[in-house]
C-alpha atoms as a PDB file:
ATOM      1  CA  MET A   1      -0.147  -0.232  -0.105  1.00  0.00           C
ATOM      2  CA  ASP A   2       1.091   3.266  -1.165  1.00  0.00           C
ATOM      3  CA  HIS A   3       0.720   5.444   2.528  1.00  0.00           C
ATOM      4  CA  VAL A   4       1.846   8.883   0.890  1.00  0.00           C
ATOM      5  CA  SER A   5      -0.390   8.671  -1.927  1.00  0.00           C
ATOM      6  CA  HIS A   6      -3.241   7.381  -0.378  1.00  0.00           C
ATOM      7  CA  GLY A   7      -2.757  10.422   2.630  1.00  0.00           C
ATOM      8  CA  ARG A   8      -2.532  12.890   0.181  1.00  0.00           C
ATOM      9  CA  ARG A   9      -5.781  11.589  -1.637  1.00  0.00           C
ATOM     10  CA  VAL A  10      -7.653  12.107   2.200  1.00  0.00           C
ATOM     11  CA  ILE A  11      -6.133  15.942   1.761  1.00  0.00           C
ATOM     12  CA  GLU A  12      -7.011  16.501  -1.792  1.00  0.00           C
ATOM     13  CA  MET A  13     -10.715  14.937  -1.403  1.00  0.00           C
ATOM     14  CA  GLU A  14     -11.445  17.778   1.893  1.00  0.00           C
ATOM     15  CA  ALA A  15      -9.679  20.204  -0.006  1.00  0.00           C
ATOM     16  CA  THR A  16     -12.132  19.582  -2.844  1.00  0.00           C
ATOM     17  CA  ALA A  17     -15.003  19.772  -0.423  1.00  0.00           C
ATOM     18  CA  LEU A  18     -13.883  23.174   0.927  1.00  0.00           C
ATOM     19  CA  GLN A  19     -13.723  24.780  -2.485  1.00  0.00           C
ATOM     20  CA  GLN A  20     -17.421  23.485  -3.060  1.00  0.00           C
ATOM     21  CA  ILE A  21     -18.431  24.781   0.320  1.00  0.00           C
ATOM     22  CA  ALA A  22     -16.452  28.201  -0.875  1.00  0.00           C
ATOM     23  CA  ALA A  23     -18.318  28.366  -3.805  1.00  0.00           C
ATOM     24  CA  ARG A  24     -21.646  27.996  -2.837  1.00  0.00           C
ATOM     25  CA  LEU A  25     -21.264  30.556  -0.018  1.00  0.00           C
ATOM     26  CA  GLY A  26     -24.047  32.807   0.117  1.00  0.00           C
ATOM     27  CA  GLU A  27     -26.658  35.527   1.552  1.00  0.00           C
ATOM     28  CA  SER A  28     -27.330  32.700   5.090  1.00  0.00           C
ATOM     29  CA  PHE A  29     -23.894  33.511   5.595  1.00  0.00           C
ATOM     30  CA  ALA A  30     -24.082  36.979   5.333  1.00  0.00           C
ATOM     31  CA  GLU A  31     -27.125  36.820   7.424  1.00  0.00           C
ATOM     32  CA  ALA A  32     -25.592  34.436  10.283  1.00  0.00           C
ATOM     33  CA  VAL A  33     -22.765  37.284  10.948  1.00  0.00           C
ATOM     34  CA  GLY A  34     -25.155  40.098  10.703  1.00  0.00           C
ATOM     35  CA  MET A  35     -27.127  38.058  13.417  1.00  0.00           C
ATOM     36  CA  LEU A  36     -24.033  37.288  15.719  1.00  0.00           C
ATOM     37  CA  LYS A  37     -22.399  40.904  15.350  1.00  0.00           C
ATOM     38  CA  ASP A  38     -26.046  41.933  16.402  1.00  0.00           C
ATOM     39  CA  VAL A  39     -26.101  39.637  19.530  1.00  0.00           C
ATOM     40  CA  LEU A  40     -23.053  41.010  20.594  1.00  0.00           C
ATOM     41  CA  ASP A  41     -23.468  44.318  20.260  1.00  0.00           C
ATOM     42  CA  ARG A  42     -26.177  43.730  22.278  1.00  0.00           C
ATOM     43  CA  ARG A  43     -23.905  42.137  24.936  1.00  0.00           C
ATOM     44  CA  GLY A  44     -25.698  38.904  24.650  1.00  0.00           C
ATOM     45  CA  LYS A  45     -23.408  35.834  23.981  1.00  0.00           C
ATOM     46  CA  ILE A  46     -23.141  32.980  21.378  1.00  0.00           C
ATOM     47  CA  VAL A  47     -23.749  29.658  22.339  1.00  0.00           C
ATOM     48  CA  VAL A  48     -22.519  26.571  20.528  1.00  0.00           C
ATOM     49  CA  VAL A  49     -23.894  23.073  21.230  1.00  0.00           C
ATOM     50  CA  GLY A  50     -23.552  19.535  19.089  1.00  0.00           C
ATOM     51  CA  ILE A  51     -22.680  16.018  19.688  1.00  0.00           C
ATOM     52  CA  GLY A  52     -19.884  13.769  18.985  1.00  0.00           C
ATOM     53  CA  LYS A  53     -17.640  14.687  16.305  1.00  0.00           C
ATOM     54  CA  SER A  54     -19.608  17.912  15.688  1.00  0.00           C
ATOM     55  CA  GLY A  55     -19.273  18.766  19.355  1.00  0.00           C
ATOM     56  CA  ASN A  56     -15.707  18.738  19.091  1.00  0.00           C
ATOM     57  CA  ILE A  57     -15.652  21.137  16.289  1.00  0.00           C
ATOM     58  CA  GLY A  58     -18.087  23.270  18.554  1.00  0.00           C
ATOM     59  CA  HIS A  59     -15.218  23.263  21.238  1.00  0.00           C
ATOM     60  CA  LYS A  60     -12.824  24.263  18.464  1.00  0.00           C
ATOM     61  CA  ILE A  61     -15.458  27.506  17.050  1.00  0.00           C
ATOM     62  CA  ALA A  62     -15.954  28.763  20.469  1.00  0.00           C
ATOM     63  CA  ALA A  63     -12.432  28.685  21.366  1.00  0.00           C
ATOM     64  CA  THR A  64     -11.682  30.752  18.534  1.00  0.00           C
ATOM     65  CA  LEU A  65     -14.519  32.885  18.752  1.00  0.00           C
ATOM     66  CA  ASN A  66     -13.596  33.845  22.264  1.00  0.00           C
ATOM     67  CA  SER A  67      -9.816  34.284  21.172  1.00  0.00           C
ATOM     68  CA  THR A  68     -11.285  36.958  18.769  1.00  0.00           C
ATOM     69  CA  GLY A  69     -13.316  38.900  21.532  1.00  0.00           C
ATOM     70  CA  SER A  70     -16.664  37.325  20.486  1.00  0.00           C
ATOM     71  CA  THR A  71     -17.968  35.547  23.822  1.00  0.00           C
ATOM     72  CA  ALA A  72     -19.130  32.224  23.199  1.00  0.00           C
ATOM     73  CA  VAL A  73     -19.650  29.247  25.348  1.00  0.00           C
ATOM     74  CA  VAL A  74     -20.448  25.732  24.877  1.00  0.00           C
ATOM     75  CA  LEU A  75     -23.363  24.041  25.794  1.00  0.00           C
ATOM     76  CA  ASN A  76     -23.479  20.245  26.690  1.00  0.00           C
ATOM     77  CA  SER A  77     -25.948  18.496  25.200  1.00  0.00           C
ATOM     78  CA  GLN A  78     -25.801  15.854  27.296  1.00  0.00           C
ATOM     79  CA  ASN A  79     -26.240  17.946  30.596  1.00  0.00           C
ATOM     80  CA  ALA A  80     -28.111  20.445  29.047  1.00  0.00           C
ATOM     81  CA  LEU A  81     -31.671  19.372  30.307  1.00  0.00           C
ATOM     82  CA  HIS A  82     -29.971  18.800  33.870  1.00  0.00           C
ATOM     83  CA  GLY A  83     -29.403  22.018  34.268  1.00  0.00           C
ATOM     84  CA  ASP A  84     -26.954  23.481  31.964  1.00  0.00           C
ATOM     85  CA  LEU A  85     -29.261  24.722  29.802  1.00  0.00           C
ATOM     86  CA  GLY A  86     -29.294  27.970  32.467  1.00  0.00           C
ATOM     87  CA  ILE A  87     -26.459  29.284  30.473  1.00  0.00           C
ATOM     88  CA  LEU A  88     -28.792  30.492  27.803  1.00  0.00           C
ATOM     89  CA  SER A  89     -30.543  33.562  28.255  1.00  0.00           C
ATOM     90  CA  ASP A  90     -32.831  35.471  25.929  1.00  0.00           C
ATOM     91  CA  GLY A  91     -31.114  37.689  23.374  1.00  0.00           C
ATOM     92  CA  ASP A  92     -28.403  35.093  22.608  1.00  0.00           C
ATOM     93  CA  ALA A  93     -27.451  33.172  19.544  1.00  0.00           C
ATOM     94  CA  VAL A  94     -27.335  29.500  19.382  1.00  0.00           C
ATOM     95  CA  ILE A  95     -24.847  27.837  16.987  1.00  0.00           C
ATOM     96  CA  ALA A  96     -26.042  24.192  16.510  1.00  0.00           C
ATOM     97  CA  LEU A  97     -23.833  21.859  14.653  1.00  0.00           C
ATOM     98  CA  SER A  98     -25.445  18.589  13.100  1.00  0.00           C
ATOM     99  CA  TYR A  99     -24.202  17.068   9.723  1.00  0.00           C
ATOM    100  CA  SER A 100     -27.544  15.042   9.521  1.00  0.00           C
ATOM    101  CA  GLY A 101     -29.258  17.959  11.044  1.00  0.00           C
ATOM    102  CA  GLU A 102     -31.474  15.005  12.812  1.00  0.00           C
ATOM    103  CA  THR A 103     -29.470  13.611  15.983  1.00  0.00           C
ATOM    104  CA  ALA A 104     -31.908  12.820  18.419  1.00  0.00           C
ATOM    105  CA  GLU A 105     -30.407  14.244  21.462  1.00  0.00           C
ATOM    106  CA  LEU A 106     -29.681  17.538  19.205  1.00  0.00           C
ATOM    107  CA  LEU A 107     -33.709  17.407  18.298  1.00  0.00           C
ATOM    108  CA  ASP A 108     -34.472  16.500  22.028  1.00  0.00           C
ATOM    109  CA  LEU A 109     -32.909  19.845  23.361  1.00  0.00           C
ATOM    110  CA  LEU A 110     -34.446  22.100  20.845  1.00  0.00           C
ATOM    111  CA  PRO A 111     -38.051  22.715  22.126  1.00  0.00           C
ATOM    112  CA  HIS A 112     -36.294  23.960  25.326  1.00  0.00           C
ATOM    113  CA  ILE A 113     -33.763  26.416  23.353  1.00  0.00           C
ATOM    114  CA  LYS A 114     -36.817  27.727  20.881  1.00  0.00           C
ATOM    115  CA  ARG A 115     -38.420  28.614  24.254  1.00  0.00           C
ATOM    116  CA  PHE A 116     -35.497  31.433  24.392  1.00  0.00           C
ATOM    117  CA  ASP A 117     -35.786  34.440  22.522  1.00  0.00           C
ATOM    118  CA  VAL A 118     -32.553  33.437  20.667  1.00  0.00           C
ATOM    119  CA  LYS A 119     -31.092  33.675  16.827  1.00  0.00           C
ATOM    120  CA  LEU A 120     -30.466  30.136  16.255  1.00  0.00           C
ATOM    121  CA  ILE A 121     -28.403  29.543  13.457  1.00  0.00           C
ATOM    122  CA  ALA A 122     -27.966  25.551  12.053  1.00  0.00           C
ATOM    123  CA  MET A 123     -24.399  24.163  10.568  1.00  0.00           C
ATOM    124  CA  CYS A 124     -25.464  21.314   8.858  1.00  0.00           C
ATOM    125  CA  GLY A 125     -25.323  18.953   5.785  1.00  0.00           C
ATOM    126  CA  ARG A 126     -28.801  18.689   4.884  1.00  0.00           C
ATOM    127  CA  PRO A 127     -30.530  21.899   4.354  1.00  0.00           C
ATOM    128  CA  ASP A 128     -34.163  20.109   4.601  1.00  0.00           C
ATOM    129  CA  SER A 129     -33.216  18.416   7.757  1.00  0.00           C
ATOM    130  CA  THR A 130     -35.647  18.979  11.290  1.00  0.00           C
ATOM    131  CA  LEU A 131     -32.786  21.056  12.449  1.00  0.00           C
ATOM    132  CA  SER A 132     -32.534  23.073   9.689  1.00  0.00           C
ATOM    133  CA  GLN A 133     -36.239  23.807   9.305  1.00  0.00           C
ATOM    134  CA  HIS A 134     -36.262  25.072  12.626  1.00  0.00           C
ATOM    135  CA  SER A 135     -33.722  27.559  12.515  1.00  0.00           C
ATOM    136  CA  THR A 136     -33.513  30.937  11.928  1.00  0.00           C
ATOM    137  CA  VAL A 137     -30.755  30.502   8.987  1.00  0.00           C
ATOM    138  CA  THR A 138     -28.422  27.258   8.072  1.00  0.00           C
ATOM    139  CA  LEU A 139     -24.978  27.410   6.675  1.00  0.00           C
ATOM    140  CA  ASP A 140     -24.805  24.156   4.361  1.00  0.00           C
ATOM    141  CA  THR A 141     -21.731  22.134   5.094  1.00  0.00           C
ATOM    142  CA  SER A 142     -22.402  19.385   2.836  1.00  0.00           C
ATOM    143  CA  VAL A 143     -19.901  17.167   1.146  1.00  0.00           C
ATOM    144  CA  GLU A 144     -20.517  14.747  -1.734  1.00  0.00           C
ATOM    145  CA  ARG A 145     -18.862  12.210   0.349  1.00  0.00           C
ATOM    146  CA  GLU A 146     -16.680  11.585   3.096  1.00  0.00           C
ATOM    147  CA  ALA A 147     -11.955  11.221   3.040  1.00  0.00           C
ATOM    148  CA  CYS A 148     -12.947   8.006   5.043  1.00  0.00           C
ATOM    149  CA  PRO A 149     -12.141   5.348   2.132  1.00  0.00           C
ATOM    150  CA  LEU A 150     -15.272   3.270   3.619  1.00  0.00           C
ATOM    151  CA  ASN A 151     -17.403   7.006   3.413  1.00  0.00           C
ATOM    152  CA  LEU A 152     -18.384   6.690   7.137  1.00  0.00           C
ATOM    153  CA  ALA A 153     -15.990   8.203   9.401  1.00  0.00           C
ATOM    154  CA  PRO A 154     -16.928  12.024   9.868  1.00  0.00           C
ATOM    155  CA  THR A 155     -13.725  13.546   7.845  1.00  0.00           C
ATOM    156  CA  SER A 156     -14.826  16.245   5.090  1.00  0.00           C
ATOM    157  CA  SER A 157     -17.720  16.942   7.248  1.00  0.00           C
ATOM    158  CA  SER A 158     -16.211  17.759  10.166  1.00  0.00           C
ATOM    159  CA  THR A 159     -13.479  19.975   8.470  1.00  0.00           C
ATOM    160  CA  ALA A 160     -16.303  21.795   6.347  1.00  0.00           C
ATOM    161  CA  MET A 161     -17.558  22.594  10.224  1.00  0.00           C
ATOM    162  CA  LEU A 162     -14.812  23.810  11.485  1.00  0.00           C
ATOM    163  CA  VAL A 163     -13.437  25.886   8.138  1.00  0.00           C
ATOM    164  CA  MET A 164     -17.132  27.414   8.205  1.00  0.00           C
ATOM    165  CA  GLY A 165     -16.604  28.070  11.717  1.00  0.00           C
ATOM    166  CA  ASP A 166     -13.336  29.719  11.219  1.00  0.00           C
ATOM    167  CA  ALA A 167     -15.185  31.905   8.398  1.00  0.00           C
ATOM    168  CA  LEU A 168     -17.702  32.707  10.917  1.00  0.00           C
ATOM    169  CA  ALA A 169     -15.121  34.283  13.168  1.00  0.00           C
ATOM    170  CA  MET A 170     -12.914  35.968  11.155  1.00  0.00           C
ATOM    171  CA  VAL A 171     -15.759  37.492   9.188  1.00  0.00           C
ATOM    172  CA  LEU A 172     -17.297  38.399  12.178  1.00  0.00           C
ATOM    173  CA  LEU A 173     -14.019  39.813  13.718  1.00  0.00           C
ATOM    174  CA  GLU A 174     -13.638  42.175  10.911  1.00  0.00           C
ATOM    175  CA  ALA A 175     -17.592  43.622  11.068  1.00  0.00           C
ATOM    176  CA  ARG A 176     -17.225  44.334  14.634  1.00  0.00           C
ATOM    177  CA  GLY A 177     -13.489  46.344  14.259  1.00  0.00           C
ATOM    178  CA  PHE A 178     -11.536  43.804  15.961  1.00  0.00           C
ATOM    179  CA  THR A 179      -7.835  45.329  16.562  1.00  0.00           C
ATOM    180  CA  GLU A 180      -4.510  43.766  16.958  1.00  0.00           C
ATOM    181  CA  GLU A 181      -4.643  45.589  20.204  1.00  0.00           C
ATOM    182  CA  GLU A 182      -7.330  44.149  21.504  1.00  0.00           C
ATOM    183  CA  PHE A 183      -6.336  40.604  20.368  1.00  0.00           C
ATOM    184  CA  ALA A 184      -3.365  41.154  22.755  1.00  0.00           C
ATOM    185  CA  ARG A 185      -5.610  41.474  25.485  1.00  0.00           C
ATOM    186  CA  PHE A 186      -7.004  38.157  24.658  1.00  0.00           C
ATOM    187  CA  HIS A 187      -3.318  36.545  24.141  1.00  0.00           C
ATOM    188  CA  PRO A 188      -0.826  37.977  26.871  1.00  0.00           C
ATOM    189  CA  GLY A 189       1.005  34.628  27.207  1.00  0.00           C
ATOM    190  CA  GLY A 190       3.689  33.523  24.865  1.00  0.00           C
ATOM    191  CA  ALA A 191       5.565  35.261  21.774  1.00  0.00           C
ATOM    192  CA  LEU A 192       2.208  36.657  20.309  1.00  0.00           C
ATOM    193  CA  GLY A 193       1.259  38.260  23.528  1.00  0.00           C
ATOM    194  CA  ARG A 194       4.511  39.681  24.059  1.00  0.00           C
ATOM    195  CA  ALA A 195       4.585  40.896  20.634  1.00  0.00           C
ATOM    196  CA  LEU A 196       1.115  42.380  20.749  1.00  0.00           C
ATOM    197  CA  LEU A 197       1.510  44.123  24.176  1.00  0.00           C
ATOM    198  CA  THR A 198       5.311  45.116  24.032  1.00  0.00           C
ATOM    199  CA  ARG A 199       6.369  48.514  22.475  1.00  0.00           C
ATOM    200  CA  VAL A 200       9.348  49.052  20.789  1.00  0.00           C
ATOM    201  CA  SER A 201      10.771  51.502  23.472  1.00  0.00           C
ATOM    202  CA  ASP A 202      10.638  48.530  25.561  1.00  0.00           C
ATOM    203  CA  ILE A 203      12.911  46.295  24.137  1.00  0.00           C
ATOM    204  CA  MET A 204      15.424  48.332  21.898  1.00  0.00           C
ATOM    205  CA  ARG A 205      18.887  48.989  22.785  1.00  0.00           C
ATOM    206  CA  ALA A 206      19.729  52.661  24.198  1.00  0.00           C
ATOM    207  CA  GLY A 207      22.012  54.760  26.133  1.00  0.00           C
ATOM    208  CA  ASP A 208      25.383  52.707  26.592  1.00  0.00           C
ATOM    209  CA  GLY A 209      23.644  49.968  24.485  1.00  0.00           C
ATOM    210  CA  LEU A 210      23.130  51.650  21.518  1.00  0.00           C
ATOM    211  CA  ALA A 211      26.480  52.952  19.155  1.00  0.00           C
ATOM    212  CA  THR A 212      26.699  56.152  17.708  1.00  0.00           C
ATOM    213  CA  VAL A 213      29.250  57.464  16.111  1.00  0.00           C
ATOM    214  CA  ALA A 214      29.065  61.298  13.644  1.00  0.00           C
ATOM    215  CA  GLU A 215      29.108  61.190  10.279  1.00  0.00           C
ATOM    216  CA  GLY A 216      32.583  62.212   9.662  1.00  0.00           C
ATOM    217  CA  ALA A 217      34.153  59.442  11.870  1.00  0.00           C
ATOM    218  CA  THR A 218      36.151  56.170  10.618  1.00  0.00           C
ATOM    219  CA  VAL A 219      35.149  52.419  10.175  1.00  0.00           C
ATOM    220  CA  HIS A 220      37.554  51.987  13.012  1.00  0.00           C
ATOM    221  CA  ASP A 221      35.333  54.740  14.827  1.00  0.00           C
ATOM    222  CA  ALA A 222      32.096  52.856  14.042  1.00  0.00           C
ATOM    223  CA  LEU A 223      34.041  49.377  15.350  1.00  0.00           C
ATOM    224  CA  VAL A 224      35.192  50.626  18.623  1.00  0.00           C
ATOM    225  CA  ALA A 225      31.646  51.846  19.272  1.00  0.00           C
ATOM    226  CA  MET A 226      29.846  48.511  18.390  1.00  0.00           C
ATOM    227  CA  THR A 227      32.217  46.826  20.239  1.00  0.00           C
ATOM    228  CA  ASP A 228      32.119  48.903  23.452  1.00  0.00           C
ATOM    229  CA  ALA A 229      27.967  48.570  23.204  1.00  0.00           C
ATOM    230  CA  ARG A 230      28.418  44.751  22.097  1.00  0.00           C
ATOM    231  CA  SER A 231      26.021  45.603  18.973  1.00  0.00           C
ATOM    232  CA  GLY A 232      26.271  44.237  15.321  1.00  0.00           C
ATOM    233  CA  ALA A 233      25.374  47.369  14.085  1.00  0.00           C
ATOM    234  CA  CYS A 234      26.158  51.350  14.557  1.00  0.00           C
ATOM    235  CA  VAL A 235      24.074  54.391  14.129  1.00  0.00           C
ATOM    236  CA  VAL A 236      25.552  57.106  11.869  1.00  0.00           C
ATOM    237  CA  LEU A 237      24.516  61.042  13.137  1.00  0.00           C
ATOM    238  CA  LYS A 238      24.283  64.109  11.608  1.00  0.00           C
ATOM    239  CA  PRO A 239      25.545  67.193  12.839  1.00  0.00           C
ATOM    240  CA  ASP A 240      22.112  68.006  14.473  1.00  0.00           C
ATOM    241  CA  GLY A 241      21.998  64.411  15.832  1.00  0.00           C
ATOM    242  CA  ALA A 242      19.680  63.252  12.957  1.00  0.00           C
ATOM    243  CA  LEU A 243      19.952  60.095  11.268  1.00  0.00           C
ATOM    244  CA  ALA A 244      22.256  59.825   8.808  1.00  0.00           C
ATOM    245  CA  GLY A 245      22.652  56.046   8.191  1.00  0.00           C
ATOM    246  CA  ILE A 246      23.671  52.700   9.952  1.00  0.00           C
ATOM    247  CA  PHE A 247      26.808  50.823   9.559  1.00  0.00           C
ATOM    248  CA  THR A 248      26.920  47.009  10.676  1.00  0.00           C
ATOM    249  CA  HIS A 249      29.588  44.302  11.193  1.00  0.00           C
ATOM    250  CA  GLY A 250      28.225  43.022   7.876  1.00  0.00           C
ATOM    251  CA  ASP A 251      29.068  45.781   5.993  1.00  0.00           C
ATOM    252  CA  PHE A 252      32.608  45.681   7.467  1.00  0.00           C
ATOM    253  CA  ALA A 253      33.000  42.201   6.557  1.00  0.00           C
ATOM    254  CA  ARG A 254      32.247  42.766   2.939  1.00  0.00           C
ATOM    255  CA  SER A 255      34.202  45.747   2.589  1.00  0.00           C
ATOM    256  CA  TYR A 256      37.224  44.118   4.458  1.00  0.00           C
ATOM    257  CA  GLN A 257      37.436  41.273   1.747  1.00  0.00           C
ATOM    258  CA  GLN A 258      38.015  44.049  -0.576  1.00  0.00           C
ATOM    259  CA  ASP A 259      40.351  45.916   1.287  1.00  0.00           C
ATOM    260  CA  ALA A 260      42.078  45.039   4.482  1.00  0.00           C
ATOM    261  CA  GLY A 261      42.561  48.841   5.304  1.00  0.00           C
ATOM    262  CA  VAL A 262      39.282  49.912   5.512  1.00  0.00           C
ATOM    263  CA  GLY A 263      39.749  50.913   8.782  1.00  0.00           C
ATOM    264  CA  GLY A 264      41.129  54.336   8.119  1.00  0.00           C
ATOM    265  CA  LYS A 265      38.115  55.054   5.595  1.00  0.00           C
ATOM    266  CA  PRO A 266      35.384  57.179   6.170  1.00  0.00           C
ATOM    267  CA  VAL A 267      32.128  55.488   7.597  1.00  0.00           C
ATOM    268  CA  ALA A 268      29.965  57.924   5.482  1.00  0.00           C
ATOM    269  CA  ASP A 269      31.083  56.032   2.294  1.00  0.00           C
ATOM    270  CA  LEU A 270      29.897  52.702   3.409  1.00  0.00           C
ATOM    271  CA  MET A 271      27.338  52.938   5.687  1.00  0.00           C
ATOM    272  CA  THR A 272      23.633  52.449   3.937  1.00  0.00           C
ATOM    273  CA  ARG A 273      21.602  56.059   3.646  1.00  0.00           C
ATOM    274  CA  ASN A 274      18.291  56.093   4.895  1.00  0.00           C
ATOM    275  CA  PRO A 275      17.881  52.821   6.945  1.00  0.00           C
ATOM    276  CA  ILE A 276      14.181  50.917   7.694  1.00  0.00           C
ATOM    277  CA  SER A 277      13.570  52.442  10.899  1.00  0.00           C
ATOM    278  CA  VAL A 278      10.484  52.309  13.338  1.00  0.00           C
ATOM    279  CA  SER A 279       9.157  54.689  15.988  1.00  0.00           C
ATOM    280  CA  GLY A 280       9.775  54.171  19.657  1.00  0.00           C
ATOM    281  CA  ASP A 281       6.010  54.211  20.322  1.00  0.00           C
ATOM    282  CA  ALA A 282       5.368  51.299  18.148  1.00  0.00           C
ATOM    283  CA  LEU A 283       4.129  47.607  18.788  1.00  0.00           C
ATOM    284  CA  ALA A 284       7.201  45.065  19.047  1.00  0.00           C
ATOM    285  CA  ALA A 285       4.889  43.377  16.875  1.00  0.00           C
ATOM    286  CA  GLU A 286       5.328  46.173  13.745  1.00  0.00           C
ATOM    287  CA  ALA A 287       9.235  45.703  14.549  1.00  0.00           C
ATOM    288  CA  VAL A 288       8.631  42.225  13.704  1.00  0.00           C
ATOM    289  CA  LYS A 289       6.584  42.686  10.355  1.00  0.00           C
ATOM    290  CA  THR A 290       9.306  45.352   9.617  1.00  0.00           C
ATOM    291  CA  ILE A 291      12.755  43.095   9.729  1.00  0.00           C
ATOM    292  CA  GLY A 292      10.823  39.986   8.115  1.00  0.00           C
ATOM    293  CA  ALA A 293       9.184  42.259   5.145  1.00  0.00           C
ATOM    294  CA  HIS A 294      12.607  43.694   4.385  1.00  0.00           C
ATOM    295  CA  ARG A 295      14.913  40.816   5.981  1.00  0.00           C
ATOM    296  CA  ILE A 296      16.946  42.617   7.701  1.00  0.00           C
ATOM    297  CA  ASP A 297      18.704  42.385  11.422  1.00  0.00           C
ATOM    298  CA  ASP A 298      18.649  45.527  12.458  1.00  0.00           C
ATOM    299  CA  VAL A 299      16.148  48.419  12.511  1.00  0.00           C
ATOM    300  CA  VAL A 300      16.971  51.621  13.965  1.00  0.00           C
ATOM    301  CA  VAL A 301      14.497  53.214  16.216  1.00  0.00           C
ATOM    302  CA  LEU A 302      13.283  56.990  16.183  1.00  0.00           C
ATOM    303  CA  ASP A 303      11.493  59.166  18.546  1.00  0.00           C
ATOM    304  CA  SER A 304       8.359  61.590  17.427  1.00  0.00           C
ATOM    305  CA  ALA A 305      11.517  64.618  16.340  1.00  0.00           C
ATOM    306  CA  GLY A 306      12.956  61.515  13.782  1.00  0.00           C
ATOM    307  CA  LYS A 307      15.885  61.541  15.942  1.00  0.00           C
ATOM    308  CA  PRO A 308      17.605  57.843  16.887  1.00  0.00           C
ATOM    309  CA  VAL A 309      17.041  56.715  20.317  1.00  0.00           C
ATOM    310  CA  GLY A 310      17.528  53.174  19.917  1.00  0.00           C
ATOM    311  CA  LEU A 311      18.414  50.367  18.022  1.00  0.00           C
ATOM    312  CA  ILE A 312      16.163  46.821  17.668  1.00  0.00           C
ATOM    313  CA  ASP A 313      18.572  43.653  16.853  1.00  0.00           C
ATOM    314  CA  THR A 314      16.606  40.408  15.755  1.00  0.00           C
ATOM    315  CA  GLN A 315      18.924  38.344  18.571  1.00  0.00           C
ATOM    316  CA  ASP A 316      17.359  40.801  20.903  1.00  0.00           C
ATOM    317  CA  LEU A 317      13.937  39.620  19.799  1.00  0.00           C
ATOM    318  CA  ALA A 318      14.696  35.961  20.063  1.00  0.00           C
ATOM    319  CA  ARG A 319      15.982  36.310  23.534  1.00  0.00           C
ATOM    320  CA  LEU A 320      13.007  38.576  24.764  1.00  0.00           C
ATOM    321  CA  LYS A 321      10.972  35.381  23.027  1.00  0.00           C
ATOM    322  CA  ILE A 322       9.160  37.989  21.050  1.00  0.00           C
ATOM    323  CA  VAL A 323       9.812  35.572  18.025  1.00  0.00           C
END
């Protein structure tokens, strides 16, 4: 058996199913997003409920909604009729997941959900199902077949639900104007949280850690300044303190290969003029983005007057676990 080709076939089948779902996405999706936004704007919440594999997908959808500022909870369908229905309130929205739309446990719960003044969004593979008929709007996640060789195990269908949930969460994020700063509030831990919460001024090299020389200095002067600051780059300043350029160890190494006596040359002849820079008030995430976009190792930090006050080194980002 060729395991690789069989694995590729599964992935391709699921990818095809997703393309088909994307192609038929229509007004019902826009309506669902509008409903959810309206509920959240009125301080309501999103309640996600599903059985089996659909329930597992529901947990992921709720987690994604929460992480992007859309308050969501998971209703345990088995415990719902024994008190857990108390998490549901008038004004909420319910996302019910069932591929067949005929899951007995979910249909048993449906009349009790309908007693509340809620919007019910069905996510299922049969728009003519009982669940769909009793829902405010239905998101069609039907697939031609499962990626399972027996066409039994939920594979393409569960992936379709997962991706539909991601689409809802991301479009809802945009509709609500959710920002990077707000995202950071929900992700304070780890590299992502540090990058989004930390300012450039918090991590830049400044003071004795910032190597600087005047525009008229030599390459040797710049190397001494870099050694003293233990830095791989030196900021070159104009007479008024404005940024003239940046000179790096890489610049020196390339020049030394061509001329061993490069130390006596003016640093202005070898520096990079108009180097990439960021504001000290910018988020560290912006510095990370800038370094990646321009494929550089060092970024000059400027104050509000446009004068150099620091330097961001990629090694610092790794050490501080910003990346």
